[in-house]
Amino acid sequence: MSRKRMALLVAAFAACAFMGTDCRAQSGGDVNRRLSTLEKQVATLLSENAGLRAKVDELETSRDEGSGGMQDDSELNQAIREVMSSGEFGYISNPRGVSAVTIDGETRTRLDFRSNTGDLRDDIDDDGLRLDFRFNLGFKFVLDKKQNVDLPAKVTTYFEIQAAGRGSNNTAEDIAAGIAGAGSGAFEARSNELDQIRLYQAWIQLEDILGTEGLSLKFGRQELAYGSQLLLGSNSFFTGTVHDAVRMDFYLESLSANISFFYAKEAASDGQVTPGLAVGGLFTGRFRASGDEDEMLGIYTEFAPEGLDPIQIDAYWIYFNARSAGASVAPDNVTTSADPGIDSFGRAVIGGRTHTVGLWVRGEDVFTDGLFLSVESAYQFGKDEADQDLSAFLVEAAIEYRPSFLESVNGAFYAGYYFAEGPDGNESQGFTTLFNSRHDNVPIRGHGSYSRFGNIDFIPSQNVHVFQIGFKFEPDPDWVVGITYLYAALDEGKVPLTFVPNGALYADDRGLGHEIDLYARYQMTQQTVFFFNVSVFIPTFDFFEEDPFAAGAALGFKKVNSDLAVGVFAQIRVTF
């Protein structure tokens, strides 16, 4: 058998394995017929891809000539990737109409050393090394032809699985998951899910619905990440945040505007226990929810008015219907806005029936070259978790300046201010940030530091003022090195920071403390990134902890000193 025939035979078995075809032994004549058919299909594919080869040759020629073409290999590779991913030539063709199959994902490992970052009090064993892992694997199928009609349908399906958790092998870390106050950020508050593969995303997207260009519909489990991710983000630095949702987008090219509508079912009703029935055990005296459901809907608009160039504006309205009732009711299965091991202090449960309206205005090269400005504000109203009238405010302002004298190292100075209004009393909620991203590689479209609230993940996102200044530069094209200083203070004092088994935990001063972050990011390859960080948090307050066993002048409280917190981590992230 010729080498060509042998290669075709191997390709035939690979093809039928990929397409799910029965590859058991066939008769010699049948094999020959299949090989002949395969030869024709290969010839057809070679002909169809001739255009792609010509375009690649053109790009390479432009690079070699050095005139009006690509200047280096990175630009050439980027252009080739854009051509290949455009769907113009496709990757795989088959009778079922799949024009492209894409496999993507990431794997990440983080070595983490922390001391006193769980509670700042030495009350729990939160010192030592940890290993965190995450693995995502996604499959995307694009169907771009209608049956028997040579017109684009533009249907995309996506399925992504994830395994994420803390490395502990044979150790169970969820031993305190049922203890009141486990949300303080202690080790035992984080479950180990490394041995479990969960569904992360599964959605279907329809584009150009009913022939309307720019109109798309996406439904299923998906990320809802908008704008600066101040209120709705993916939290991709951690394990991610997804919603069971329906999303519709409409792009108006004449106004350079995109309008997005979404509806998400955040938590289904419990329905197992009659409302008001005590659960017993550790939760004696507390009650289950009424069977209501958590849901969210909203409108998010992005537009760039020509007359205001370079200014861009986002506007949004978000309604959240959480199952909340009077103060005597503690829902046992509710929607939370953050992992309690991330947002250590501050309320993580979303309560009430609230409306949030907001505006985000930003621009590149505003007033002068190299100056980025951003201001986002939001107002929240409705009923809070205690069924009281809510009126709360949030604002985030950021500035970054890249002076010309630091152009050789791409240096930038940055500063920021964040404020989320706190509660007016012990039962009032204050502003709830919904599903914000605490820190990512690009928290505000690539500007500022790598975190709104510091890389040690202690500063809360509610009831707080946060001031930030920093500097970053690139000593080498593959390196980013920076330092950030933050100061945080409570907006309202005499409200619980968090809860402990005996009651609530308060601060004796509105000032929370200072944080210094030293970080470095190294781009080893296009897919591989190392990130290094050292953080120190210096508290400026001590605790008052409720003590039901205290008597006399103690009035049920005892004072506990706070301690210095340190966090160091090294992370490697590979995407494919």
Protein backbone atom coordinates (compact mmCIF):
# COMPACT_ATOMS: atom_id res chain seq x y z
CA MET A 1 0.00 0.00 0.00
CA SER A 2 1.36 3.42 -0.97
CA ARG A 3 2.30 6.00 1.66
CA LYS A 4 -0.49 8.22 0.39
CA ARG A 5 -3.04 5.42 0.77
CA MET A 6 -1.70 4.59 4.22
CA ALA A 7 -1.99 8.25 5.29
CA LEU A 8 -5.52 8.42 3.94
CA LEU A 9 -6.45 5.25 5.78
CA VAL A 10 -5.17 6.73 9.07
CA ALA A 11 -7.03 9.96 8.32
CA ALA A 12 -10.19 7.97 7.62
CA PHE A 13 -10.07 6.27 10.99
CA ALA A 14 -9.35 9.61 12.73
CA ALA A 15 -12.23 11.25 10.89
CA CYS A 16 -14.77 8.58 11.67
CA ALA A 17 -13.66 8.55 15.31
CA PHE A 18 -14.18 12.33 15.51
CA MET A 19 -17.59 12.13 13.81
CA GLY A 20 -18.71 9.24 15.99
CA THR A 21 -18.84 6.82 12.98
CA ASP A 22 -18.60 3.04 13.42
CA CYS A 23 -14.98 2.22 12.50
CA ARG A 24 -15.13 -1.56 12.67
CA ALA A 25 -13.42 -3.57 9.92
CA GLN A 26 -15.17 -3.38 6.54
CA SER A 27 -14.75 -5.38 3.35
CA GLY A 28 -11.84 -4.54 1.04
CA GLY A 29 -14.12 -3.06 -1.61
CA ASP A 30 -15.92 -0.95 0.94
CA VAL A 31 -12.59 0.38 2.24
CA ASN A 32 -11.49 1.27 -1.27
CA ARG A 33 -14.73 3.11 -1.93
CA ARG A 34 -14.34 5.01 1.33
CA LEU A 35 -10.74 5.87 0.43
CA SER A 36 -11.82 7.17 -2.96
CA THR A 37 -14.50 9.30 -1.36
CA LEU A 38 -11.98 10.58 1.18
CA GLU A 39 -9.53 11.48 -1.60
CA LYS A 40 -12.20 13.63 -3.22
CA GLN A 41 -13.02 15.32 0.10
CA VAL A 42 -9.33 16.03 0.73
CA ALA A 43 -9.01 17.55 -2.74
CA THR A 44 -12.05 19.72 -2.06
CA LEU A 45 -10.62 20.90 1.27
CA LEU A 46 -7.27 21.72 -0.35
CA SER A 47 -9.05 23.80 -2.95
CA GLU A 48 -11.19 25.60 -0.38
CA ASN A 49 -8.17 26.48 1.73
CA ALA A 50 -6.12 27.83 -1.16
CA GLY A 51 -7.40 31.29 -0.32
CA LEU A 52 -6.19 30.94 3.24
CA ARG A 53 -2.70 29.92 2.11
CA ALA A 54 -2.58 32.83 -0.30
CA LYS A 55 -3.54 35.27 2.46
CA VAL A 56 -0.85 33.87 4.76
CA ASP A 57 1.75 34.14 1.96
CA GLU A 58 0.68 37.72 1.40
CA LEU A 59 1.16 38.56 5.07
CA GLU A 60 4.59 36.91 5.15
CA THR A 61 5.65 38.77 2.01
CA SER A 62 4.51 42.06 3.51
CA ARG A 63 6.55 41.37 6.61
CA ASP A 64 9.70 40.46 4.66
CA GLU A 65 9.46 43.53 2.44
CA GLY A 66 8.98 45.74 5.50
CA SER A 67 6.89 48.33 3.67
CA GLY A 68 3.32 48.90 4.70
CA GLY A 69 3.07 45.39 6.11
CA MET A 70 3.63 43.54 9.33
CA GLN A 71 6.57 44.76 11.37
CA ASP A 72 7.28 41.66 13.46
CA ASP A 73 6.25 38.07 14.05
CA SER A 74 3.78 38.95 16.81
CA GLU A 75 1.75 41.15 14.47
CA LEU A 76 1.90 38.51 11.75
CA ASN A 77 0.77 35.76 14.10
CA GLN A 78 -2.07 37.94 15.38
CA ALA A 79 -3.24 38.64 11.83
CA ILE A 80 -3.11 34.94 10.95
CA ARG A 81 -5.12 34.06 14.06
CA GLU A 82 -7.76 36.62 13.13
CA VAL A 83 -8.05 35.14 9.65
CA MET A 84 -8.31 31.60 10.98
CA SER A 85 -10.86 32.48 13.66
CA SER A 86 -13.04 34.56 11.36
CA GLY A 87 -14.90 31.50 10.14
CA GLU A 88 -14.23 32.50 6.51
CA PHE A 89 -12.60 29.15 5.78
CA GLY A 90 -13.80 27.14 8.77
CA TYR A 91 -12.06 24.35 10.57
CA ILE A 92 -14.30 21.35 10.06
CA SER A 93 -17.10 20.79 7.56
CA ASN A 94 -19.61 18.00 7.82
CA PRO A 95 -23.15 17.24 6.66
CA ARG A 96 -24.65 18.34 9.99
CA GLY A 97 -23.72 21.95 9.30
CA VAL A 98 -21.01 22.51 11.94
CA SER A 99 -18.61 24.95 10.32
CA ALA A 100 -16.22 25.43 13.25
CA VAL A 101 -15.34 23.61 16.46
CA THR A 102 -13.22 25.40 19.04
CA ILE A 103 -11.76 23.92 22.22
CA ASP A 104 -10.53 26.38 24.82
CA GLY A 105 -9.82 26.52 28.52
CA GLU A 106 -7.27 27.24 31.20
CA THR A 107 -5.42 25.68 34.06
CA ARG A 108 -4.16 27.65 37.04
CA THR A 109 -2.11 26.84 40.14
CA ARG A 110 -1.48 29.23 43.03
CA LEU A 111 0.88 28.79 45.97
CA ASP A 112 -0.45 31.01 48.75
CA PHE A 113 0.97 31.92 52.15
CA ARG A 114 -1.25 33.85 54.55
CA SER A 115 -1.14 34.96 58.16
CA ASN A 116 -4.12 36.44 60.07
CA THR A 117 -6.07 37.16 56.88
CA GLY A 118 -9.08 35.18 58.09
CA ASP A 119 -10.07 37.25 61.10
CA LEU A 120 -7.08 39.48 62.17
CA ARG A 121 -7.48 38.06 65.67
CA ASP A 122 -5.42 34.85 65.96
CA ASP A 123 -8.63 33.04 66.92
CA ILE A 124 -8.47 30.58 64.04
CA ASP A 125 -5.60 28.71 62.43
CA ASP A 126 -5.33 30.77 59.27
CA ASP A 127 -1.52 30.78 59.04
CA GLY A 128 0.51 28.73 56.59
CA LEU A 129 0.73 27.60 52.97
CA ARG A 130 -2.16 26.75 50.68
CA LEU A 131 -2.43 25.42 47.15
CA ASP A 132 -5.35 26.51 44.99
CA PHE A 133 -6.15 24.99 41.61
CA ARG A 134 -8.58 25.61 38.79
CA PHE A 135 -9.16 23.87 35.50
CA ASN A 136 -11.67 24.91 32.83
CA LEU A 137 -12.40 23.15 29.55
CA GLY A 138 -14.82 24.61 27.01
CA PHE A 139 -16.22 23.39 23.67
CA LYS A 140 -17.76 25.78 21.15
CA PHE A 141 -19.71 24.67 18.07
CA VAL A 142 -20.67 27.15 15.37
CA LEU A 143 -23.50 26.34 12.95
CA ASP A 144 -23.71 28.93 10.22
CA LYS A 145 -25.96 27.43 7.54
CA LYS A 146 -29.69 26.82 7.43
CA GLN A 147 -30.89 23.46 6.21
CA ASN A 148 -31.14 23.38 2.38
CA VAL A 149 -30.64 27.17 2.25
CA ASP A 150 -27.30 28.81 1.57
CA LEU A 151 -27.85 31.59 4.12
CA PRO A 152 -26.09 32.19 7.43
CA ALA A 153 -27.96 31.24 10.59
CA LYS A 154 -25.14 32.05 13.04
CA VAL A 155 -25.99 29.67 15.86
CA THR A 156 -23.33 29.06 18.51
CA THR A 157 -23.42 26.57 21.36
CA TYR A 158 -20.91 26.55 24.21
CA PHE A 159 -20.29 24.05 26.98
CA GLU A 160 -17.70 24.53 29.73
CA ILE A 161 -16.81 22.39 32.73
CA GLN A 162 -14.69 23.35 35.74
CA ALA A 163 -12.87 21.81 38.65
CA ALA A 164 -11.73 24.31 41.28
CA GLY A 165 -10.76 24.20 44.91
CA ARG A 166 -8.02 24.10 47.46
CA GLY A 167 -5.37 21.41 47.26
CA SER A 168 -5.58 19.21 50.34
CA ASN A 169 -5.87 15.73 48.79
CA ASN A 170 -7.27 13.58 51.62
CA THR A 171 -8.40 16.41 53.91
CA ALA A 172 -12.01 17.53 54.27
CA GLU A 173 -12.17 21.32 54.63
CA ASP A 174 -15.89 21.80 54.99
CA ILE A 175 -16.10 20.57 58.59
CA ALA A 176 -17.43 23.94 59.78
CA ALA A 177 -19.64 24.74 56.82
CA GLY A 178 -22.76 24.60 59.01
CA ILE A 179 -21.42 26.72 61.85
CA ALA A 180 -22.82 30.23 62.18
CA GLY A 181 -20.05 32.68 61.41
CA ALA A 182 -18.07 30.34 59.15
CA GLY A 183 -18.16 33.14 56.57
CA SER A 184 -15.39 34.97 58.45
CA GLY A 185 -12.89 33.75 55.87
CA ALA A 186 -11.47 30.86 57.90
CA PHE A 187 -9.90 27.87 56.16
CA GLU A 188 -12.81 25.65 57.14
CA ALA A 189 -15.26 27.98 55.38
CA ARG A 190 -13.91 26.91 51.98
CA SER A 191 -14.95 23.54 50.57
CA ASN A 192 -12.55 21.41 48.58
CA GLU A 193 -14.09 20.76 45.15
CA LEU A 194 -11.01 19.53 43.26
CA ASP A 195 -12.41 16.02 42.98
CA GLN A 196 -15.69 17.32 41.57
CA ILE A 197 -16.21 18.52 38.01
CA ARG A 198 -19.08 20.97 37.77
CA LEU A 199 -20.88 22.61 34.92
CA TYR A 200 -19.58 26.17 34.62
CA GLN A 201 -21.26 27.39 31.43
CA ALA A 202 -23.75 25.93 28.94
CA TRP A 203 -25.43 28.35 26.56
CA ILE A 204 -26.85 28.76 23.06
CA GLN A 205 -26.49 32.02 21.15
CA LEU A 206 -28.54 33.07 18.13
CA GLU A 207 -27.24 35.99 16.07
CA ASP A 208 -29.02 38.21 13.53
CA ILE A 209 -32.40 36.88 14.66
CA LEU A 210 -35.15 37.01 12.03
CA GLY A 211 -32.70 38.63 9.65
CA THR A 212 -32.20 41.64 11.95
CA GLU A 213 -28.51 42.46 11.88
CA GLY A 214 -27.04 43.14 15.32
CA LEU A 215 -29.84 41.36 17.25
CA SER A 216 -28.69 38.33 19.28
CA LEU A 217 -30.15 36.07 21.94
CA LYS A 218 -28.10 34.05 24.42
CA PHE A 219 -29.71 31.71 26.92
CA GLY A 220 -28.40 29.17 29.42
CA ARG A 221 -25.79 29.20 32.16
CA GLN A 222 -23.44 32.09 31.38
CA GLU A 223 -21.30 34.90 32.73
CA LEU A 224 -23.01 38.30 32.99
CA ALA A 225 -20.04 40.66 32.97
CA TYR A 226 -20.70 44.29 32.08
CA GLY A 227 -18.66 47.48 31.91
CA SER A 228 -16.03 47.85 34.60
CA GLN A 229 -17.50 44.83 36.45
CA LEU A 230 -18.17 47.05 39.45
CA LEU A 231 -21.67 45.59 39.92
CA LEU A 232 -21.77 42.63 37.52
CA GLY A 233 -18.53 40.77 36.88
CA SER A 234 -17.14 37.31 36.21
CA ASN A 235 -14.65 37.18 39.12
CA SER A 236 -12.30 35.36 36.75
CA PHE A 237 -9.36 35.77 39.11
CA PHE A 238 -11.16 33.38 41.48
CA THR A 239 -13.51 30.55 40.51
CA GLY A 240 -15.79 32.71 38.38
CA THR A 241 -19.42 33.79 38.63
CA VAL A 242 -22.18 32.48 36.35
CA HIS A 243 -25.94 32.90 36.16
CA ASP A 244 -28.81 30.85 34.73
CA ALA A 245 -29.98 33.61 32.46
CA VAL A 246 -31.44 34.84 29.19
CA ARG A 247 -29.65 37.76 27.53
CA MET A 248 -30.65 39.76 24.45
CA ASP A 249 -28.32 42.27 22.77
CA PHE A 250 -29.04 44.77 20.03
CA TYR A 251 -26.28 46.78 18.39
CA LEU A 252 -27.19 50.10 16.74
CA GLU A 253 -24.37 50.84 14.33
CA SER A 254 -25.67 54.33 13.54
CA LEU A 255 -25.25 55.33 17.21
CA SER A 256 -22.32 53.02 18.00
CA ALA A 257 -24.48 51.74 20.85
CA ASN A 258 -25.20 48.30 22.28
CA ILE A 259 -28.32 47.66 24.36
CA SER A 260 -28.41 44.51 26.50
CA PHE A 261 -31.43 43.04 28.32
CA PHE A 262 -31.03 40.16 30.76
CA TYR A 263 -33.04 38.03 33.17
CA ALA A 264 -31.46 35.60 35.64
CA LYS A 265 -32.92 33.09 38.08
CA GLU A 266 -30.42 33.33 40.93
CA ALA A 267 -31.86 30.83 43.43
CA ALA A 268 -34.88 28.54 43.39
CA SER A 269 -37.26 28.37 46.32
CA ASP A 270 -36.59 25.84 49.05
CA GLY A 271 -40.11 24.66 49.78
CA GLN A 272 -39.01 21.83 52.06
CA VAL A 273 -39.86 23.44 55.38
CA THR A 274 -42.97 25.36 56.37
CA PRO A 275 -42.19 29.09 56.71
CA GLY A 276 -41.35 30.00 60.29
CA LEU A 277 -40.48 26.46 61.38
CA ALA A 278 -37.30 26.29 63.49
CA VAL A 279 -34.58 24.10 61.98
CA GLY A 280 -33.00 23.09 65.29
CA GLY A 281 -29.43 22.10 66.13
CA LEU A 282 -26.89 24.84 65.49
CA PHE A 283 -29.62 27.00 63.95
CA THR A 284 -32.11 26.77 66.83
CA GLY A 285 -34.16 29.92 66.99
CA ARG A 286 -33.53 30.76 63.34
CA PHE A 287 -36.03 30.26 60.57
CA ARG A 288 -36.09 29.21 56.96
CA ALA A 289 -37.18 31.38 54.07
CA SER A 290 -40.75 31.52 52.85
CA GLY A 291 -40.20 29.76 49.54
CA ASP A 292 -39.77 32.94 47.51
CA GLU A 293 -37.17 32.93 44.72
CA ASP A 294 -34.18 35.13 43.93
CA GLU A 295 -34.18 36.69 40.48
CA MET A 296 -32.47 39.54 38.70
CA LEU A 297 -33.25 41.50 35.56
CA GLY A 298 -31.80 44.60 33.99
CA ILE A 299 -30.84 46.76 31.03
CA TYR A 300 -27.24 47.73 30.23
CA THR A 301 -26.40 50.25 27.49
CA GLU A 302 -22.99 51.18 26.07
CA PHE A 303 -22.57 54.04 23.63
CA ALA A 304 -19.89 56.39 22.32
CA PRO A 305 -21.38 59.71 21.12
CA GLU A 306 -19.38 61.15 18.21
CA GLY A 307 -19.63 64.68 19.57
CA LEU A 308 -18.06 63.64 22.91
CA ASP A 309 -15.09 61.72 21.53
CA PRO A 310 -13.05 60.26 23.30
CA ILE A 311 -15.71 59.94 26.02
CA GLN A 312 -17.66 56.68 26.31
CA ILE A 313 -20.77 56.24 28.45
CA ASP A 314 -22.50 53.22 29.99
CA ALA A 315 -25.91 53.41 31.66
CA TYR A 316 -27.78 50.62 33.46
CA TRP A 317 -30.75 49.60 35.58
CA ILE A 318 -30.76 46.38 37.61
CA TYR A 319 -33.63 44.99 39.66
CA PHE A 320 -32.99 42.29 42.25
CA ASN A 321 -35.82 40.38 43.93
CA ALA A 322 -34.29 38.51 46.86
CA ARG A 323 -36.21 36.38 49.32
CA SER A 324 -36.08 38.49 52.38
CA ALA A 325 -38.52 39.14 55.17
CA GLY A 326 -38.44 40.58 58.67
CA ALA A 327 -35.34 40.61 60.82
CA SER A 328 -36.44 37.41 62.59
CA VAL A 329 -36.11 35.36 59.41
CA ALA A 330 -32.74 33.99 58.32
CA PRO A 331 -32.99 32.33 54.88
CA ASP A 332 -31.00 29.11 54.76
CA ASN A 333 -30.34 29.02 51.01
CA VAL A 334 -29.87 32.47 49.56
CA THR A 335 -27.99 34.20 46.79
CA THR A 336 -24.64 35.53 47.94
CA SER A 337 -22.72 38.27 46.19
CA ALA A 338 -19.26 36.96 47.04
CA ASP A 339 -17.41 33.91 48.27
CA PRO A 340 -17.12 34.39 52.07
CA GLY A 341 -13.48 33.38 51.78
CA ILE A 342 -12.92 36.34 49.45
CA ASP A 343 -15.07 39.11 50.89
CA SER A 344 -13.96 38.32 54.43
CA PHE A 345 -15.72 41.13 56.26
CA GLY A 346 -18.98 42.73 55.23
CA ARG A 347 -22.34 41.21 54.40
CA ALA A 348 -22.21 38.77 51.52
CA VAL A 349 -25.92 37.89 51.31
CA ILE A 350 -28.05 39.90 48.90
CA GLY A 351 -31.30 40.89 50.57
CA GLY A 352 -34.40 42.90 49.79
CA ARG A 353 -36.09 44.01 46.61
CA THR A 354 -33.89 46.70 45.16
CA HIS A 355 -33.43 48.83 42.06
CA THR A 356 -29.94 49.97 41.05
CA VAL A 357 -29.43 52.70 38.45
CA GLY A 358 -25.97 53.79 37.40
CA LEU A 359 -23.76 55.65 34.95
CA TRP A 360 -20.15 55.02 33.94
CA VAL A 361 -18.22 57.73 32.07
CA ARG A 362 -14.61 57.26 30.96
CA GLY A 363 -12.16 58.23 28.27
CA GLU A 364 -8.65 57.66 26.94
CA ASP A 365 -6.29 60.59 26.27
CA VAL A 366 -8.67 63.04 27.94
CA PHE A 367 -7.35 66.64 27.91
CA THR A 368 -3.84 65.35 27.17
CA ASP A 369 -2.12 62.27 25.76
CA GLY A 370 -1.71 59.41 28.21
CA LEU A 371 -4.44 60.50 30.63
CA PHE A 372 -7.27 58.06 31.43
CA LEU A 373 -10.25 59.18 33.53
CA SER A 374 -13.12 57.08 34.83
CA VAL A 375 -16.09 57.87 37.09
CA GLU A 376 -18.88 55.41 37.86
CA SER A 377 -21.75 56.08 40.23
CA ALA A 378 -24.88 54.17 41.16
CA TYR A 379 -27.95 54.76 43.30
CA GLN A 380 -29.86 51.92 44.97
CA PHE A 381 -33.41 52.15 46.27
CA GLY A 382 -36.30 49.90 47.24
CA LYS A 383 -36.73 47.64 50.28
CA ASP A 384 -33.74 46.24 52.12
CA GLU A 385 -33.44 42.84 53.84
CA ALA A 386 -35.21 44.20 56.93
CA ASP A 387 -38.10 45.40 54.73
CA GLN A 388 -37.11 49.02 55.37
CA ASP A 389 -36.88 51.75 52.75
CA LEU A 390 -33.43 51.72 51.16
CA SER A 391 -31.60 54.75 49.78
CA ALA A 392 -27.90 54.13 49.17
CA PHE A 393 -25.13 55.43 46.93
CA LEU A 394 -21.90 54.12 45.37
CA VAL A 395 -19.11 55.86 43.45
CA GLU A 396 -15.79 54.78 42.00
CA ALA A 397 -13.33 57.24 40.47
CA ALA A 398 -10.04 56.33 38.81
CA ILE A 399 -7.25 58.19 37.06
CA GLU A 400 -4.14 56.94 35.29
CA TYR A 401 -1.39 59.02 33.68
CA ARG A 402 1.40 57.76 31.44
CA PRO A 403 3.93 60.64 31.15
CA SER A 404 6.03 60.91 28.01
CA PHE A 405 9.32 60.74 29.94
CA LEU A 406 8.39 57.19 31.06
CA GLU A 407 7.35 56.04 27.60
CA SER A 408 10.41 53.80 27.22
CA VAL A 409 9.25 51.64 30.17
CA ASN A 410 5.51 52.26 29.71
CA GLY A 411 5.33 53.71 33.21
CA ALA A 412 2.04 54.86 34.74
CA PHE A 413 0.90 56.63 37.91
CA TYR A 414 -2.61 55.85 39.09
CA ALA A 415 -5.03 56.74 41.87
CA GLY A 416 -8.55 55.81 42.81
CA TYR A 417 -11.38 56.28 45.27
CA TYR A 418 -14.19 53.86 46.04
CA PHE A 419 -17.20 54.49 48.27
CA ALA A 420 -20.21 52.29 49.06
CA GLU A 421 -22.69 53.85 51.47
CA GLY A 422 -23.15 51.94 54.68
CA PRO A 423 -26.30 51.15 56.66
CA ASP A 424 -28.06 53.82 58.67
CA GLY A 425 -28.60 51.39 61.55
CA ASN A 426 -27.93 47.85 62.67
CA GLU A 427 -30.79 46.42 60.62
CA SER A 428 -30.49 48.54 57.49
CA GLN A 429 -28.59 47.12 54.54
CA GLY A 430 -26.68 49.91 52.84
CA PHE A 431 -25.44 49.60 49.26
CA THR A 432 -25.06 46.04 47.95
CA THR A 433 -22.53 45.57 45.15
CA LEU A 434 -24.30 42.51 43.71
CA PHE A 435 -21.74 40.37 41.82
CA ASN A 436 -18.71 42.63 41.51
CA SER A 437 -15.21 41.48 40.50
CA ARG A 438 -12.87 42.19 43.39
CA HIS A 439 -9.68 42.03 41.35
CA ASP A 440 -8.72 40.80 37.93
CA ASN A 441 -5.92 41.39 35.47
CA VAL A 442 -7.87 44.29 33.97
CA PRO A 443 -10.22 45.67 36.67
CA ILE A 444 -10.99 48.93 34.85
CA ARG A 445 -10.34 48.08 31.21
CA GLY A 446 -6.63 47.59 31.83
CA HIS A 447 -6.05 50.73 33.88
CA GLY A 448 -5.03 51.23 37.48
CA SER A 449 -3.92 48.46 39.82
CA TYR A 450 -4.86 44.81 39.67
CA SER A 451 -7.40 45.21 42.45
CA ARG A 452 -10.07 47.61 43.64
CA PHE A 453 -9.79 46.45 47.25
CA GLY A 454 -6.22 45.18 47.57
CA ASN A 455 -4.70 41.81 46.72
CA ILE A 456 -4.95 40.42 50.24
CA ASP A 457 -8.78 40.30 49.93
CA PHE A 458 -9.55 41.79 53.31
CA ILE A 459 -11.02 45.24 52.56
CA PRO A 460 -14.83 44.93 52.24
CA SER A 461 -16.83 46.11 49.24
CA GLN A 462 -19.75 47.43 51.34
CA ASN A 463 -20.01 50.22 53.91
CA VAL A 464 -16.52 51.49 53.11
CA HIS A 465 -14.27 54.27 51.78
CA VAL A 466 -11.17 53.06 49.91
CA PHE A 467 -8.35 55.39 48.79
CA GLN A 468 -5.69 54.09 46.43
CA ILE A 469 -2.47 55.35 44.78
CA GLY A 470 0.20 53.44 42.88
CA PHE A 471 2.84 53.16 40.19
CA LYS A 472 3.61 50.46 37.63
CA PHE A 473 6.11 50.08 34.77
CA GLU A 474 7.54 47.54 32.31
CA PRO A 475 11.30 47.01 32.82
CA ASP A 476 11.05 44.49 29.97
CA PRO A 477 8.27 43.96 27.37
CA ASP A 478 7.34 40.71 29.15
CA TRP A 479 7.26 42.18 32.67
CA VAL A 480 4.93 44.49 34.61
CA VAL A 481 6.05 45.56 38.10
CA GLY A 482 4.06 47.77 40.45
CA ILE A 483 3.21 48.94 43.95
CA THR A 484 -0.16 50.03 45.35
CA TYR A 485 -1.02 51.71 48.64
CA LEU A 486 -4.59 51.59 49.98
CA TYR A 487 -6.36 53.03 53.01
CA ALA A 488 -9.83 51.84 54.04
CA ALA A 489 -12.35 53.24 56.51
CA LEU A 490 -15.92 52.34 57.39
CA ASP A 491 -18.69 54.65 56.25
CA GLU A 492 -20.86 53.88 59.28
CA GLY A 493 -19.55 52.80 62.66
CA LYS A 494 -21.28 50.63 65.26
CA VAL A 495 -22.45 48.12 62.65
CA PRO A 496 -21.29 44.49 62.46
CA LEU A 497 -18.21 43.77 60.40
CA THR A 498 -19.13 40.10 60.34
CA PHE A 499 -20.61 37.41 62.57
CA VAL A 500 -18.96 34.91 64.91
CA PRO A 501 -20.53 31.90 66.66
CA ASN A 502 -21.47 33.92 69.76
CA GLY A 503 -22.82 36.97 67.97
CA ALA A 504 -21.56 39.92 65.97
CA LEU A 505 -18.10 41.44 65.57
CA TYR A 506 -17.67 45.24 65.60
CA ALA A 507 -14.75 47.63 65.06
CA ASP A 508 -13.90 50.16 67.76
CA ASP A 509 -12.90 52.74 65.14
CA ARG A 510 -14.17 53.63 61.68
CA GLY A 511 -10.63 53.46 60.28
CA LEU A 512 -9.87 49.91 59.15
CA GLY A 513 -6.23 50.21 58.15
CA HIS A 514 -3.49 50.46 55.51
CA GLU A 515 -2.48 47.98 52.82
CA ILE A 516 0.63 47.80 50.64
CA ASP A 517 0.71 45.52 47.57
CA LEU A 518 3.90 44.70 45.66
CA TYR A 519 3.23 42.76 42.48
CA ALA A 520 4.89 41.55 39.29
CA ARG A 521 3.44 39.96 36.17
CA TYR A 522 5.59 37.96 33.73
CA GLN A 523 4.30 36.92 30.29
CA MET A 524 6.37 33.79 29.66
CA THR A 525 4.57 32.81 26.46
CA GLN A 526 1.42 33.97 24.73
CA GLN A 527 -0.56 31.46 26.79
CA THR A 528 1.46 31.39 30.03
CA VAL A 529 1.45 34.12 32.68
CA PHE A 530 3.17 34.20 36.08
CA PHE A 531 1.87 36.54 38.77
CA PHE A 532 3.70 37.31 42.02
CA ASN A 533 2.32 39.31 44.94
CA VAL A 534 3.27 40.37 48.47
CA SER A 535 0.64 42.19 50.57
CA VAL A 536 0.67 43.59 54.10
CA PHE A 537 -2.42 44.90 55.90
CA ILE A 538 -1.87 47.09 58.99
CA PRO A 539 -5.13 47.43 60.98
CA THR A 540 -5.82 50.67 62.84
CA PHE A 541 -8.70 49.33 64.93
CA ASP A 542 -9.49 46.67 67.52
CA PHE A 543 -12.59 44.47 67.83
CA PHE A 544 -15.58 44.48 70.10
CA GLU A 545 -17.03 40.97 70.14
CA GLU A 546 -20.44 40.12 71.52
CA ASP A 547 -20.10 37.94 74.61
CA PRO A 548 -23.44 36.61 75.91
CA PHE A 549 -21.69 35.21 78.98
CA ALA A 550 -20.29 38.57 80.11
CA ALA A 551 -21.84 40.17 83.17
CA GLY A 552 -21.98 43.49 84.95
CA ALA A 553 -20.22 46.46 83.39
CA ALA A 554 -19.05 44.42 80.39
CA LEU A 555 -22.58 44.74 78.96
CA GLY A 556 -22.19 41.65 76.81
CA PHE A 557 -19.05 42.74 74.91
CA LYS A 558 -15.36 41.99 75.16
CA LYS A 559 -12.46 43.76 73.46
CA VAL A 560 -10.05 41.82 71.24
CA ASN A 561 -6.85 43.23 69.77
CA SER A 562 -6.30 43.09 66.01
CA ASP A 563 -3.10 41.76 64.40
CA LEU A 564 -1.02 42.43 61.30
CA ALA A 565 -2.04 40.40 58.24
CA VAL A 566 0.34 39.17 55.52
CA GLY A 567 -0.44 37.55 52.20
CA VAL A 568 2.03 36.22 49.62
CA PHE A 569 1.19 34.24 46.51
CA ALA A 570 2.72 33.03 43.26
CA GLN A 571 0.40 31.95 40.46
CA ILE A 572 0.87 30.39 37.05
CA ARG A 573 -1.99 30.52 34.55
CA VAL A 574 -2.01 28.73 31.20
CA THR A 575 -4.76 29.33 28.64
CA PHE A 576 -5.39 27.38 25.47
